[in-house]
Amino acid sequence: MSYKVNGHEITVNFPVDSISVNKSSIAFTDSLGKNKQTFAKRTDALQFMKWLLSSNK
């Protein structure tokens, strides 16, 4: 699945095993390995984290 924010597309290969949040960065481990995304705003990072959690069922 992919997530779009500010014209950028983030591809996530579910299932996600772990998620770590640090200010405006989200690190997660999906089926292909570790990934880190840094966002311009903390609110964008939190929206992405919510999407990861809701889509990971």
PDB file of N, CA and C in Angstrom:
ATOM      1  N   MET A   1       0.849  -1.185   0.000  1.00  0.00           N
ATOM      2  CA  MET A   1       0.000   0.000   0.000  1.00  0.00           C
ATOM      3  C   MET A   1       0.883   1.232   0.000  1.00  0.00           C
ATOM      4  N   SER A   2       0.303   2.336  -0.372  1.00  0.00           N
ATOM      5  CA  SER A   2       1.083   3.574  -0.364  1.00  0.00           C
ATOM      6  C   SER A   2       0.307   4.689   0.334  1.00  0.00           C
ATOM      7  N   TYR A   3       1.055   5.617   0.860  1.00  0.00           N
ATOM      8  CA  TYR A   3       0.514   6.758   1.598  1.00  0.00           C
ATOM      9  C   TYR A   3       1.030   8.019   0.922  1.00  0.00           C
ATOM     10  N   LYS A   4       0.145   8.959   0.617  1.00  0.00           N
ATOM     11  CA  LYS A   4       0.560  10.199  -0.040  1.00  0.00           C
ATOM     12  C   LYS A   4       0.479  11.365   0.926  1.00  0.00           C
ATOM     13  N   VAL A   5       1.566  12.150   0.969  1.00  0.00           N
ATOM     14  CA  VAL A   5       1.603  13.347   1.799  1.00  0.00           C
ATOM     15  C   VAL A   5       2.401  14.413   1.051  1.00  0.00           C
ATOM     16  N   ASN A   6       1.820  15.577   0.898  1.00  0.00           N
ATOM     17  CA  ASN A   6       2.473  16.713   0.240  1.00  0.00           C
ATOM     18  C   ASN A   6       3.084  16.342  -1.113  1.00  0.00           C
ATOM     19  N   GLY A   7       2.382  15.548  -1.896  1.00  0.00           N
ATOM     20  CA  GLY A   7       2.850  15.186  -3.223  1.00  0.00           C
ATOM     21  C   GLY A   7       3.874  14.064  -3.264  1.00  0.00           C
ATOM     22  N   HIS A   8       4.241  13.518  -2.112  1.00  0.00           N
ATOM     23  CA  HIS A   8       5.192  12.408  -2.047  1.00  0.00           C
ATOM     24  C   HIS A   8       4.445  11.128  -1.703  1.00  0.00           C
ATOM     25  N   GLU A   9       4.920  10.030  -2.255  1.00  0.00           N
ATOM     26  CA  GLU A   9       4.290   8.742  -1.999  1.00  0.00           C
ATOM     27  C   GLU A   9       5.239   7.855  -1.190  1.00  0.00           C
ATOM     28  N   ILE A  10       4.721   7.307  -0.106  1.00  0.00           N
ATOM     29  CA  ILE A  10       5.491   6.410   0.762  1.00  0.00           C
ATOM     30  C   ILE A  10       4.902   5.016   0.588  1.00  0.00           C
ATOM     31  N   THR A  11       5.731   4.067   0.158  1.00  0.00           N
ATOM     32  CA  THR A  11       5.273   2.693  -0.029  1.00  0.00           C
ATOM     33  C   THR A  11       5.583   1.873   1.213  1.00  0.00           C
ATOM     34  N   VAL A  12       4.568   1.163   1.692  1.00  0.00           N
ATOM     35  CA  VAL A  12       4.710   0.315   2.875  1.00  0.00           C
ATOM     36  C   VAL A  12       4.269  -1.090   2.487  1.00  0.00           C
ATOM     37  N   ASN A  13       5.104  -2.065   2.790  1.00  0.00           N
ATOM     38  CA  ASN A  13       4.791  -3.466   2.513  1.00  0.00           C
ATOM     39  C   ASN A  13       4.374  -4.139   3.815  1.00  0.00           C
ATOM     40  N   PHE A  14       3.069  -4.240   4.008  1.00  0.00           N
ATOM     41  CA  PHE A  14       2.517  -4.804   5.236  1.00  0.00           C
ATOM     42  C   PHE A  14       2.800  -6.289   5.303  1.00  0.00           C
ATOM     43  N   PRO A  15       2.913  -6.879   6.476  1.00  0.00           N
ATOM     44  CA  PRO A  15       2.638  -6.309   7.786  1.00  0.00           C
ATOM     45  C   PRO A  15       3.813  -5.505   8.338  1.00  0.00           C
ATOM     46  N   VAL A  16       3.486  -4.541   9.182  1.00  0.00           N
ATOM     47  CA  VAL A  16       4.494  -3.730   9.867  1.00  0.00           C
ATOM     48  C   VAL A  16       4.757  -4.373  11.225  1.00  0.00           C
ATOM     49  N   ASP A  17       6.033  -4.639  11.504  1.00  0.00           N
ATOM     50  CA  ASP A  17       6.396  -5.311  12.756  1.00  0.00           C
ATOM     51  C   ASP A  17       6.615  -4.344  13.910  1.00  0.00           C
ATOM     52  N   SER A  18       7.223  -3.178  13.633  1.00  0.00           N
ATOM     53  CA  SER A  18       7.490  -2.221  14.707  1.00  0.00           C
ATOM     54  C   SER A  18       7.429  -0.803  14.170  1.00  0.00           C
ATOM     55  N   ILE A  19       7.073   0.122  15.071  1.00  0.00           N
ATOM     56  CA  ILE A  19       6.984   1.541  14.737  1.00  0.00           C
ATOM     57  C   ILE A  19       7.646   2.322  15.859  1.00  0.00           C
ATOM     58  N   SER A  20       8.483   3.289  15.487  1.00  0.00           N
ATOM     59  CA  SER A  20       9.136   4.153  16.473  1.00  0.00           C
ATOM     60  C   SER A  20       8.947   5.602  16.036  1.00  0.00           C
ATOM     61  N   VAL A  21       8.597   6.461  16.996  1.00  0.00           N
ATOM     62  CA  VAL A  21       8.332   7.868  16.705  1.00  0.00           C
ATOM     63  C   VAL A  21       9.335   8.737  17.448  1.00  0.00           C
ATOM     64  N   ASN A  22       9.903   9.727  16.739  1.00  0.00           N
ATOM     65  CA  ASN A  22      10.823  10.682  17.346  1.00  0.00           C
ATOM     66  C   ASN A  22      10.602  12.038  16.694  1.00  0.00           C
ATOM     67  N   LYS A  23       9.942  12.934  17.384  1.00  0.00           N
ATOM     68  CA  LYS A  23       9.598  14.268  16.898  1.00  0.00           C
ATOM     69  C   LYS A  23       8.876  14.165  15.564  1.00  0.00           C
ATOM     70  N   SER A  24       9.523  14.507  14.442  1.00  0.00           N
ATOM     71  CA  SER A  24       8.840  14.468  13.149  1.00  0.00           C
ATOM     72  C   SER A  24       9.328  13.323  12.265  1.00  0.00           C
ATOM     73  N   SER A  25       9.919  12.300  12.884  1.00  0.00           N
ATOM     74  CA  SER A  25      10.390  11.127  12.143  1.00  0.00           C
ATOM     75  C   SER A  25       9.661   9.875  12.610  1.00  0.00           C
ATOM     76  N   ILE A  26       9.389   8.999  11.659  1.00  0.00           N
ATOM     77  CA  ILE A  26       8.779   7.706  11.953  1.00  0.00           C
ATOM     78  C   ILE A  26       9.697   6.636  11.379  1.00  0.00           C
ATOM     79  N   ALA A  27      10.115   5.720  12.220  1.00  0.00           N
ATOM     80  CA  ALA A  27      10.888   4.565  11.771  1.00  0.00           C
ATOM     81  C   ALA A  27       9.990   3.347  11.925  1.00  0.00           C
ATOM     82  N   PHE A  28       9.984   2.486  10.910  1.00  0.00           N
ATOM     83  CA  PHE A  28       9.154   1.290  10.979  1.00  0.00           C
ATOM     84  C   PHE A  28       9.835   0.142  10.249  1.00  0.00           C
ATOM     85  N   THR A  29       9.473  -1.064  10.632  1.00  0.00           N
ATOM     86  CA  THR A  29       9.983  -2.264   9.987  1.00  0.00           C
ATOM     87  C   THR A  29       8.809  -2.966   9.327  1.00  0.00           C
ATOM     88  N   ASP A  30       8.874  -3.081   7.997  1.00  0.00           N
ATOM     89  CA  ASP A  30       7.823  -3.788   7.274  1.00  0.00           C
ATOM     90  C   ASP A  30       8.389  -5.101   6.743  1.00  0.00           C
ATOM     91  N   SER A  31       7.674  -5.737   5.838  1.00  0.00           N
ATOM     92  CA  SER A  31       8.105  -7.052   5.353  1.00  0.00           C
ATOM     93  C   SER A  31       9.400  -7.004   4.550  1.00  0.00           C
ATOM     94  N   LEU A  32       9.807  -5.827   4.072  1.00  0.00           N
ATOM     95  CA  LEU A  32      11.054  -5.695   3.311  1.00  0.00           C
ATOM     96  C   LEU A  32      12.231  -5.193   4.140  1.00  0.00           C
ATOM     97  N   GLY A  33      11.977  -4.763   5.370  1.00  0.00           N
ATOM     98  CA  GLY A  33      13.067  -4.302   6.228  1.00  0.00           C
ATOM     99  C   GLY A  33      12.766  -2.973   6.888  1.00  0.00           C
ATOM    100  N   LYS A  34      13.832  -2.333   7.377  1.00  0.00           N
ATOM    101  CA  LYS A  34      13.693  -1.088   8.125  1.00  0.00           C
ATOM    102  C   LYS A  34      13.560   0.109   7.183  1.00  0.00           C
ATOM    103  N   ASN A  35      12.726   1.067   7.595  1.00  0.00           N
ATOM    104  CA  ASN A  35      12.499   2.298   6.839  1.00  0.00           C
ATOM    105  C   ASN A  35      12.404   3.461   7.807  1.00  0.00           C
ATOM    106  N   LYS A  36      12.776   4.641   7.341  1.00  0.00           N
ATOM    107  CA  LYS A  36      12.638   5.851   8.155  1.00  0.00           C
ATOM    108  C   LYS A  36      12.114   6.967   7.265  1.00  0.00           C
ATOM    109  N   GLN A  37      11.094   7.644   7.746  1.00  0.00           N
ATOM    110  CA  GLN A  37      10.517   8.776   7.036  1.00  0.00           C
ATOM    111  C   GLN A  37      10.555   9.989   7.944  1.00  0.00           C
ATOM    112  N   THR A  38      11.032  11.104   7.409  1.00  0.00           N
ATOM    113  CA  THR A  38      11.047  12.358   8.156  1.00  0.00           C
ATOM    114  C   THR A  38      10.070  13.319   7.485  1.00  0.00           C
ATOM    115  N   PHE A  39       9.244  13.946   8.299  1.00  0.00           N
ATOM    116  CA  PHE A  39       8.203  14.841   7.801  1.00  0.00           C
ATOM    117  C   PHE A  39       8.509  16.275   8.185  1.00  0.00           C
ATOM    118  N   ALA A  40       7.970  17.205   7.419  1.00  0.00           N
ATOM    119  CA  ALA A  40       8.187  18.627   7.686  1.00  0.00           C
ATOM    120  C   ALA A  40       7.482  19.052   8.977  1.00  0.00           C
ATOM    121  N   LYS A  41       6.321  18.458   9.242  1.00  0.00           N
ATOM    122  CA  LYS A  41       5.542  18.814  10.431  1.00  0.00           C
ATOM    123  C   LYS A  41       5.289  17.574  11.272  1.00  0.00           C
ATOM    124  N   ARG A  42       5.278  17.780  12.570  1.00  0.00           N
ATOM    125  CA  ARG A  42       4.984  16.676  13.481  1.00  0.00           C
ATOM    126  C   ARG A  42       3.577  16.130  13.247  1.00  0.00           C
ATOM    127  N   THR A  43       2.647  17.003  12.904  1.00  0.00           N
ATOM    128  CA  THR A  43       1.276  16.550  12.660  1.00  0.00           C
ATOM    129  C   THR A  43       1.221  15.598  11.468  1.00  0.00           C
ATOM    130  N   ASP A  44       2.045  15.835  10.440  1.00  0.00           N
ATOM    131  CA  ASP A  44       2.102  14.919   9.297  1.00  0.00           C
ATOM    132  C   ASP A  44       2.638  13.557   9.733  1.00  0.00           C
ATOM    133  N   ALA A  45       3.644  13.562  10.604  1.00  0.00           N
ATOM    134  CA  ALA A  45       4.216  12.315  11.112  1.00  0.00           C
ATOM    135  C   ALA A  45       3.171  11.537  11.911  1.00  0.00           C
ATOM    136  N   LEU A  46       2.405  12.230  12.727  1.00  0.00           N
ATOM    137  CA  LEU A  46       1.378  11.564  13.527  1.00  0.00           C
ATOM    138  C   LEU A  46       0.260  11.001  12.660  1.00  0.00           C
ATOM    139  N   GLN A  47      -0.103  11.723  11.594  1.00  0.00           N
ATOM    140  CA  GLN A  47      -1.120  11.232  10.654  1.00  0.00           C
ATOM    141  C   GLN A  47      -0.641   9.946   9.987  1.00  0.00           C
ATOM    142  N   PHE A  48       0.642   9.917   9.588  1.00  0.00           N
ATOM    143  CA  PHE A  48       1.217   8.734   8.962  1.00  0.00           C
ATOM    144  C   PHE A  48       1.228   7.562   9.940  1.00  0.00           C
ATOM    145  N   MET A  49       1.579   7.822  11.194  1.00  0.00           N
ATOM    146  CA  MET A  49       1.590   6.766  12.193  1.00  0.00           C
ATOM    147  C   MET A  49       0.186   6.196  12.389  1.00  0.00           C
ATOM    148  N   LYS A  50      -0.824   7.050  12.442  1.00  0.00           N
ATOM    149  CA  LYS A  50      -2.202   6.582  12.578  1.00  0.00           C
ATOM    150  C   LYS A  50      -2.599   5.724  11.398  1.00  0.00           C
ATOM    151  N   TRP A  51      -2.169   6.137  10.188  1.00  0.00           N
ATOM    152  CA  TRP A  51      -2.460   5.359   8.994  1.00  0.00           C
ATOM    153  C   TRP A  51      -1.778   3.992   9.067  1.00  0.00           C
ATOM    154  N   LEU A  52      -0.520   3.959   9.496  1.00  0.00           N
ATOM    155  CA  LEU A  52       0.192   2.690   9.644  1.00  0.00           C
ATOM    156  C   LEU A  52      -0.538   1.751  10.595  1.00  0.00           C
ATOM    157  N   LEU A  53      -0.971   2.295  11.722  1.00  0.00           N
ATOM    158  CA  LEU A  53      -1.652   1.479  12.724  1.00  0.00           C
ATOM    159  C   LEU A  53      -3.002   0.968  12.226  1.00  0.00           C
ATOM    160  N   SER A  54      -3.754   1.810  11.547  1.00  0.00           N
ATOM    161  CA  SER A  54      -5.092   1.395  11.090  1.00  0.00           C
ATOM    162  C   SER A  54      -5.026   0.454   9.897  1.00  0.00           C
ATOM    163  N   SER A  55      -3.988   0.561   9.070  1.00  0.00           N
ATOM    164  CA  SER A  55      -3.869  -0.287   7.879  1.00  0.00           C
ATOM    165  C   SER A  55      -3.166  -1.603   8.177  1.00  0.00           C
ATOM    166  N   ASN A  56      -2.636  -1.765   9.358  1.00  0.00           N
ATOM    167  CA  ASN A  56      -1.819  -2.929   9.697  1.00  0.00           C
ATOM    168  C   ASN A  56      -2.642  -4.059  10.315  1.00  0.00           C
ATOM    169  N   LYS A  57      -3.923  -4.118  10.013  1.00  0.00           N
ATOM    170  CA  LYS A  57      -4.797  -5.148  10.611  1.00  0.00           C
ATOM    171  C   LYS A  57      -4.805  -6.410   9.779  1.00  0.00           C
TER     172      LYS A  57
END
